[in-house]
N, C-alpha and C. Protein backbone atom coordinates (compact mmCIF):
# COMPACT_ATOMS: atom_id res chain seq x y z
N MET A 1 -15.22 -5.62 -9.51
CA MET A 1 -14.66 -5.38 -8.19
C MET A 1 -13.39 -6.22 -8.03
N PRO A 2 -12.21 -5.61 -8.06
CA PRO A 2 -10.97 -6.36 -7.84
C PRO A 2 -10.88 -6.90 -6.42
N PHE A 3 -10.46 -8.14 -6.32
CA PHE A 3 -10.25 -8.81 -5.03
C PHE A 3 -8.85 -9.38 -5.06
N VAL A 4 -7.99 -8.90 -4.17
CA VAL A 4 -6.59 -9.34 -4.13
C VAL A 4 -6.37 -10.09 -2.82
N HIS A 5 -5.81 -11.30 -2.92
CA HIS A 5 -5.53 -12.13 -1.74
C HIS A 5 -4.03 -12.38 -1.69
N ILE A 6 -3.39 -11.93 -0.63
CA ILE A 6 -1.95 -12.11 -0.41
C ILE A 6 -1.78 -13.09 0.75
N THR A 7 -0.91 -14.06 0.56
CA THR A 7 -0.56 -15.00 1.62
C THR A 7 0.90 -14.78 1.98
N THR A 8 1.18 -14.60 3.26
CA THR A 8 2.54 -14.29 3.70
C THR A 8 2.79 -14.82 5.11
N TRP A 9 4.05 -14.79 5.52
CA TRP A 9 4.37 -15.11 6.90
C TRP A 9 3.87 -13.97 7.77
N PRO A 10 3.72 -14.19 9.09
CA PRO A 10 3.23 -13.13 9.97
C PRO A 10 4.11 -11.87 9.88
N ALA A 11 3.44 -10.73 9.90
CA ALA A 11 4.14 -9.45 9.85
C ALA A 11 4.76 -9.14 11.21
N LYS A 12 5.79 -8.31 11.19
CA LYS A 12 6.43 -7.93 12.45
C LYS A 12 5.56 -6.96 13.25
N ASN A 13 4.79 -6.13 12.52
CA ASN A 13 3.90 -5.19 13.21
C ASN A 13 2.73 -4.85 12.29
N GLU A 14 1.72 -4.26 12.88
CA GLU A 14 0.49 -3.96 12.14
C GLU A 14 0.71 -2.96 11.01
N SER A 15 1.68 -2.06 11.17
CA SER A 15 1.91 -1.05 10.13
C SER A 15 2.40 -1.69 8.83
N GLU A 16 3.06 -2.83 8.90
CA GLU A 16 3.46 -3.55 7.69
C GLU A 16 2.23 -3.98 6.90
N ILE A 17 1.23 -4.47 7.60
CA ILE A 17 0.02 -4.95 6.95
C ILE A 17 -0.76 -3.78 6.35
N THR A 18 -0.97 -2.73 7.11
CA THR A 18 -1.73 -1.60 6.58
C THR A 18 -1.00 -0.93 5.42
N GLY A 19 0.32 -0.85 5.50
CA GLY A 19 1.08 -0.28 4.38
C GLY A 19 0.96 -1.13 3.13
N LEU A 20 1.01 -2.44 3.30
CA LEU A 20 0.86 -3.35 2.17
C LEU A 20 -0.54 -3.22 1.55
N GLN A 21 -1.55 -3.16 2.39
CA GLN A 21 -2.92 -3.00 1.89
C GLN A 21 -3.08 -1.70 1.11
N GLU A 22 -2.54 -0.61 1.63
CA GLU A 22 -2.63 0.68 0.95
C GLU A 22 -1.88 0.66 -0.38
N ASP A 23 -0.67 0.12 -0.39
CA ASP A 23 0.13 0.09 -1.62
C ASP A 23 -0.51 -0.78 -2.70
N ILE A 24 -1.06 -1.92 -2.31
CA ILE A 24 -1.71 -2.81 -3.27
C ILE A 24 -2.97 -2.14 -3.82
N THR A 25 -3.74 -1.51 -2.95
CA THR A 25 -4.94 -0.80 -3.40
C THR A 25 -4.58 0.27 -4.41
N LEU A 26 -3.55 1.05 -4.13
CA LEU A 26 -3.11 2.10 -5.05
C LEU A 26 -2.70 1.52 -6.39
N ALA A 27 -1.93 0.42 -6.37
CA ALA A 27 -1.47 -0.20 -7.62
C ALA A 27 -2.63 -0.71 -8.45
N VAL A 28 -3.62 -1.33 -7.80
CA VAL A 28 -4.78 -1.84 -8.53
C VAL A 28 -5.58 -0.66 -9.12
N HIS A 29 -5.78 0.36 -8.32
CA HIS A 29 -6.52 1.55 -8.78
C HIS A 29 -5.80 2.21 -9.96
N LYS A 30 -4.50 2.39 -9.82
CA LYS A 30 -3.70 3.06 -10.86
C LYS A 30 -3.71 2.28 -12.17
N ASN A 31 -3.65 0.97 -12.08
CA ASN A 31 -3.53 0.14 -13.28
C ASN A 31 -4.84 -0.32 -13.89
N THR A 32 -5.93 -0.27 -13.10
CA THR A 32 -7.22 -0.72 -13.64
C THR A 32 -8.27 0.39 -13.68
N GLY A 33 -8.05 1.43 -12.91
CA GLY A 33 -9.04 2.50 -12.83
C GLY A 33 -10.21 2.16 -11.94
N ALA A 34 -10.16 1.01 -11.26
CA ALA A 34 -11.25 0.62 -10.36
C ALA A 34 -11.38 1.65 -9.24
N PRO A 35 -12.61 1.99 -8.86
CA PRO A 35 -12.81 2.91 -7.74
C PRO A 35 -12.24 2.31 -6.45
N LEU A 36 -11.67 3.16 -5.61
CA LEU A 36 -11.06 2.68 -4.36
C LEU A 36 -12.03 1.86 -3.52
N ASP A 37 -13.29 2.29 -3.46
CA ASP A 37 -14.25 1.58 -2.61
C ASP A 37 -14.70 0.24 -3.18
N LYS A 38 -14.18 -0.12 -4.34
CA LYS A 38 -14.52 -1.41 -4.95
C LYS A 38 -13.33 -2.38 -4.93
N ILE A 39 -12.22 -1.95 -4.34
CA ILE A 39 -11.01 -2.79 -4.29
C ILE A 39 -10.89 -3.41 -2.90
N SER A 40 -10.85 -4.74 -2.87
CA SER A 40 -10.69 -5.47 -1.61
C SER A 40 -9.32 -6.13 -1.58
N VAL A 41 -8.64 -6.01 -0.43
CA VAL A 41 -7.33 -6.64 -0.24
C VAL A 41 -7.41 -7.46 1.04
N VAL A 42 -7.10 -8.75 0.92
CA VAL A 42 -7.12 -9.65 2.07
C VAL A 42 -5.70 -10.19 2.27
N ILE A 43 -5.23 -10.14 3.50
CA ILE A 43 -3.91 -10.66 3.83
C ILE A 43 -4.10 -11.85 4.77
N THR A 44 -3.58 -13.00 4.35
CA THR A 44 -3.61 -14.20 5.18
C THR A 44 -2.19 -14.47 5.65
N GLU A 45 -2.02 -14.55 6.97
CA GLU A 45 -0.70 -14.83 7.52
C GLU A 45 -0.61 -16.31 7.90
N ILE A 46 0.48 -16.95 7.48
CA ILE A 46 0.68 -18.38 7.74
C ILE A 46 1.96 -18.55 8.55
N GLU A 47 1.88 -19.34 9.58
CA GLU A 47 3.06 -19.60 10.40
C GLU A 47 4.14 -20.29 9.56
N PRO A 48 5.41 -19.96 9.77
CA PRO A 48 6.48 -20.57 8.98
C PRO A 48 6.46 -22.10 8.99
N SER A 49 6.03 -22.71 10.08
CA SER A 49 5.99 -24.17 10.15
C SER A 49 4.94 -24.77 9.21
N ARG A 50 4.03 -23.95 8.71
CA ARG A 50 2.99 -24.40 7.79
C ARG A 50 3.26 -24.00 6.35
N TRP A 51 4.48 -23.55 6.09
CA TRP A 51 4.90 -23.05 4.77
C TRP A 51 6.20 -23.77 4.42
N ALA A 52 6.33 -24.27 3.22
CA ALA A 52 7.57 -24.93 2.81
C ALA A 52 7.95 -24.50 1.40
N ASP A 53 9.23 -24.32 1.18
CA ASP A 53 9.80 -24.11 -0.15
C ASP A 53 10.78 -25.25 -0.38
N ALA A 54 10.70 -25.88 -1.53
CA ALA A 54 11.55 -27.02 -1.87
C ALA A 54 11.42 -28.14 -0.84
N GLY A 55 10.25 -28.23 -0.21
CA GLY A 55 10.00 -29.27 0.77
C GLY A 55 10.59 -29.00 2.15
N VAL A 56 11.12 -27.80 2.37
CA VAL A 56 11.75 -27.45 3.64
C VAL A 56 10.84 -26.47 4.38
N PRO A 57 10.38 -26.84 5.59
CA PRO A 57 9.51 -25.93 6.34
C PRO A 57 10.20 -24.61 6.67
N GLY A 58 9.43 -23.55 6.69
CA GLY A 58 9.96 -22.22 6.93
C GLY A 58 10.60 -22.02 8.28
N ASN A 59 10.29 -22.87 9.25
CA ASN A 59 10.90 -22.74 10.57
C ASN A 59 12.16 -23.61 10.72
N HIS A 60 12.58 -24.30 9.67
CA HIS A 60 13.80 -25.11 9.72
C HIS A 60 15.00 -24.18 9.88
N LYS A 61 15.96 -24.54 10.72
CA LYS A 61 17.08 -23.65 11.01
C LYS A 61 17.92 -23.34 9.76
N GLU A 62 17.92 -24.21 8.76
CA GLU A 62 18.68 -23.97 7.54
C GLU A 62 17.78 -23.60 6.35
N PHE A 63 16.58 -23.08 6.65
CA PHE A 63 15.64 -22.74 5.60
C PHE A 63 16.22 -21.83 4.51
N PRO A 64 16.93 -20.75 4.86
CA PRO A 64 17.43 -19.86 3.80
C PRO A 64 18.30 -20.57 2.76
N VAL A 65 19.03 -21.59 3.16
CA VAL A 65 19.90 -22.31 2.23
C VAL A 65 19.17 -23.50 1.62
N LYS A 66 18.59 -24.35 2.45
CA LYS A 66 17.97 -25.58 1.95
C LYS A 66 16.74 -25.32 1.07
N SER A 67 16.05 -24.22 1.29
CA SER A 67 14.86 -23.94 0.48
C SER A 67 15.22 -23.54 -0.94
N ARG A 68 16.50 -23.36 -1.23
CA ARG A 68 16.95 -23.02 -2.58
C ARG A 68 17.46 -24.23 -3.35
N ARG A 69 17.38 -25.41 -2.71
CA ARG A 69 17.91 -26.61 -3.35
C ARG A 69 17.15 -26.94 -4.63
N LYS A 70 17.84 -27.59 -5.56
CA LYS A 70 17.26 -28.00 -6.83
C LYS A 70 16.99 -29.49 -6.89
N SER A 71 17.58 -30.26 -5.94
CA SER A 71 17.36 -31.70 -5.89
C SER A 71 17.45 -32.16 -4.44
N TYR A 72 17.03 -33.39 -4.19
CA TYR A 72 17.09 -33.94 -2.85
C TYR A 72 18.51 -34.35 -2.45
N GLU A 73 19.42 -34.40 -3.41
CA GLU A 73 20.80 -34.77 -3.11
C GLU A 73 21.59 -33.62 -2.52
N GLU A 74 21.10 -32.42 -2.63
CA GLU A 74 21.83 -31.25 -2.10
C GLU A 74 21.73 -31.16 -0.61
């Protein structure tokens, strides 16, 4: 029984989540042959303030730039 767990920032609307669940289920079924009723997909949404890339919280105003840094000197 395939179990897929996706962690992401909150979706803008419910259709994003259901579309993602359907697409992931199809990909798992297509690539493994697992029956649809045996594929579980769980989506966990995390607030940007609880997520960091390169030590920069996702709600930081300069996140798109600072989260790409390679050192603390940048």
